[in-house]
Protein backbone atom coordinates (compact mmCIF):
# COMPACT_ATOMS: atom_id res chain seq x y z
CA MET A 1 114.15 89.19 77.97
CA GLU A 2 111.72 91.27 75.95
CA LYS A 3 108.67 90.83 78.15
CA GLN A 4 107.70 89.16 81.41
CA VAL A 5 104.15 89.05 82.75
CA TYR A 6 103.47 89.02 86.48
CA SER A 7 100.19 88.67 88.34
CA TYR A 8 99.01 89.39 91.87
CA THR A 9 96.13 88.16 94.00
CA LYS A 10 92.90 90.15 93.89
CA THR A 11 91.35 89.92 97.35
CA ASP A 12 89.87 91.91 100.21
CA HIS A 13 91.59 89.71 102.81
CA LYS A 14 95.06 90.03 104.31
CA ILE A 15 97.83 89.01 101.97
CA ILE A 16 101.51 89.83 101.69
CA GLU A 17 103.09 88.53 98.50
CA LYS A 18 106.30 89.07 96.61
CA ILE A 19 105.47 89.59 92.94
CA VAL A 20 108.87 90.42 91.43
CA ALA A 21 112.33 89.78 92.83
CA ASP A 22 115.26 90.22 90.49
CA GLU A 23 118.48 92.22 90.32
CA HIS A 24 116.60 95.39 89.28
CA VAL A 25 113.65 95.66 91.64
CA GLN A 26 111.55 93.89 94.24
CA ILE A 27 107.79 94.44 94.12
CA ASN A 28 105.53 93.31 96.95
CA HIS A 29 101.74 93.44 97.11
CA VAL A 30 99.90 93.92 100.41
CA VAL A 31 96.21 93.90 101.31
CA LEU A 32 95.07 94.62 104.87
CA SER A 33 91.45 94.32 105.95
CA GLN A 34 89.87 96.78 108.37
CA GLY A 35 91.76 96.78 111.70
CA GLU A 36 94.78 94.84 110.36
CA SER A 37 98.40 96.01 110.42
CA LEU A 38 101.95 95.01 109.58
CA PRO A 39 104.55 94.47 112.30
CA VAL A 40 106.58 97.58 113.12
CA HIS A 41 109.77 97.31 111.06
CA ASN A 42 112.65 99.21 109.49
CA ALA A 43 112.76 99.55 105.71
CA ASN A 44 115.44 97.19 104.37
CA ALA A 45 115.81 99.24 101.14
CA PHE A 46 114.71 102.56 99.68
CA VAL A 47 110.99 101.93 99.11
CA TYR A 48 108.10 103.45 97.22
CA GLN A 49 104.67 102.56 98.58
CA ILE A 50 101.92 102.96 96.00
CA ILE A 51 98.49 103.03 97.63
CA SER A 52 95.92 101.69 95.16
CA ARG A 53 92.89 101.25 97.42
CA GLY A 54 91.76 102.37 100.87
CA ILE A 55 93.52 104.49 103.47
CA MET A 56 96.97 103.81 104.92
CA LYS A 57 97.73 104.89 108.47
CA ILE A 58 101.50 105.14 108.81
CA ALA A 59 103.73 106.26 111.67
CA ILE A 60 107.29 107.11 110.61
CA GLU A 61 109.94 106.76 113.33
CA ASP A 62 108.19 107.87 116.53
CA ARG A 63 106.01 110.58 114.96
CA GLU A 64 102.24 110.76 115.10
CA PRO A 65 100.53 108.56 112.47
CA GLU A 66 99.38 110.13 109.20
CA LEU A 67 96.61 109.03 106.84
CA HIS A 68 97.26 108.61 103.11
CA GLU A 69 94.56 107.73 100.56
CA ALA A 70 94.57 105.73 97.35
CA GLY A 71 96.42 107.54 94.60
CA THR A 72 99.33 108.43 96.89
CA ILE A 73 102.95 107.30 96.51
CA LEU A 74 105.18 107.45 99.58
CA ALA A 75 108.98 107.39 99.33
CA ILE A 76 110.66 105.97 102.44
CA SER A 77 114.42 105.91 103.08
CA ARG A 78 116.29 102.71 103.93
CA GLY A 79 116.45 102.09 107.68
CA THR A 80 113.34 104.15 108.47
CA LYS A 81 111.15 102.70 111.22
CA MET A 82 107.50 102.46 110.24
CA ALA A 83 104.21 101.18 111.56
CA ILE A 84 101.57 100.57 108.88
CA GLU A 85 97.91 99.76 109.37
CA ASN A 86 94.60 100.00 107.58
CA GLY A 87 93.29 103.44 108.50
CA GLY A 88 89.83 103.06 106.97
CA THR A 89 86.79 100.83 106.74
CA GLU A 90 87.50 99.22 103.36
CA SER A 91 90.49 97.05 102.51
CA LEU A 92 93.84 98.81 102.16
CA GLU A 93 95.82 97.69 99.11
CA PHE A 94 99.31 98.88 98.23
CA PHE A 95 102.41 97.91 96.32
CA ILE A 96 105.96 98.22 97.65
CA LEU A 97 108.76 98.86 95.16
CA LYS A 98 112.29 98.36 96.43
CA ALA A 99 114.91 99.71 94.06
CA PRO A 100 117.54 98.54 94.23
CA PRO A 101 116.29 95.38 95.93
CA PRO A 102 117.61 94.59 99.44
CA ASP A 103 120.05 91.93 98.23
CA ALA A 104 121.60 94.09 95.50
């Protein structure tokens, strides 16, 4: 395969979508509107979270939540408990890269 083109949804409303899932990487796209959050969960792979818009409020394990703005990349170890929510007034948009993917 020389080239593959992927697209993602452009929206201000809540969406969680898997964009790429192959043997090399899994890439998810998430948008959370003001006041929205993801369920508390443990990372099922080593993940990079790339914040492209808004402010992410994230609590790692049982620590106090931290705020991270667009332009930030977070690296989170497999098995880490996290609580993620929109920490601002505009939509939060971020991409999750799992490498290797959970099934690898």
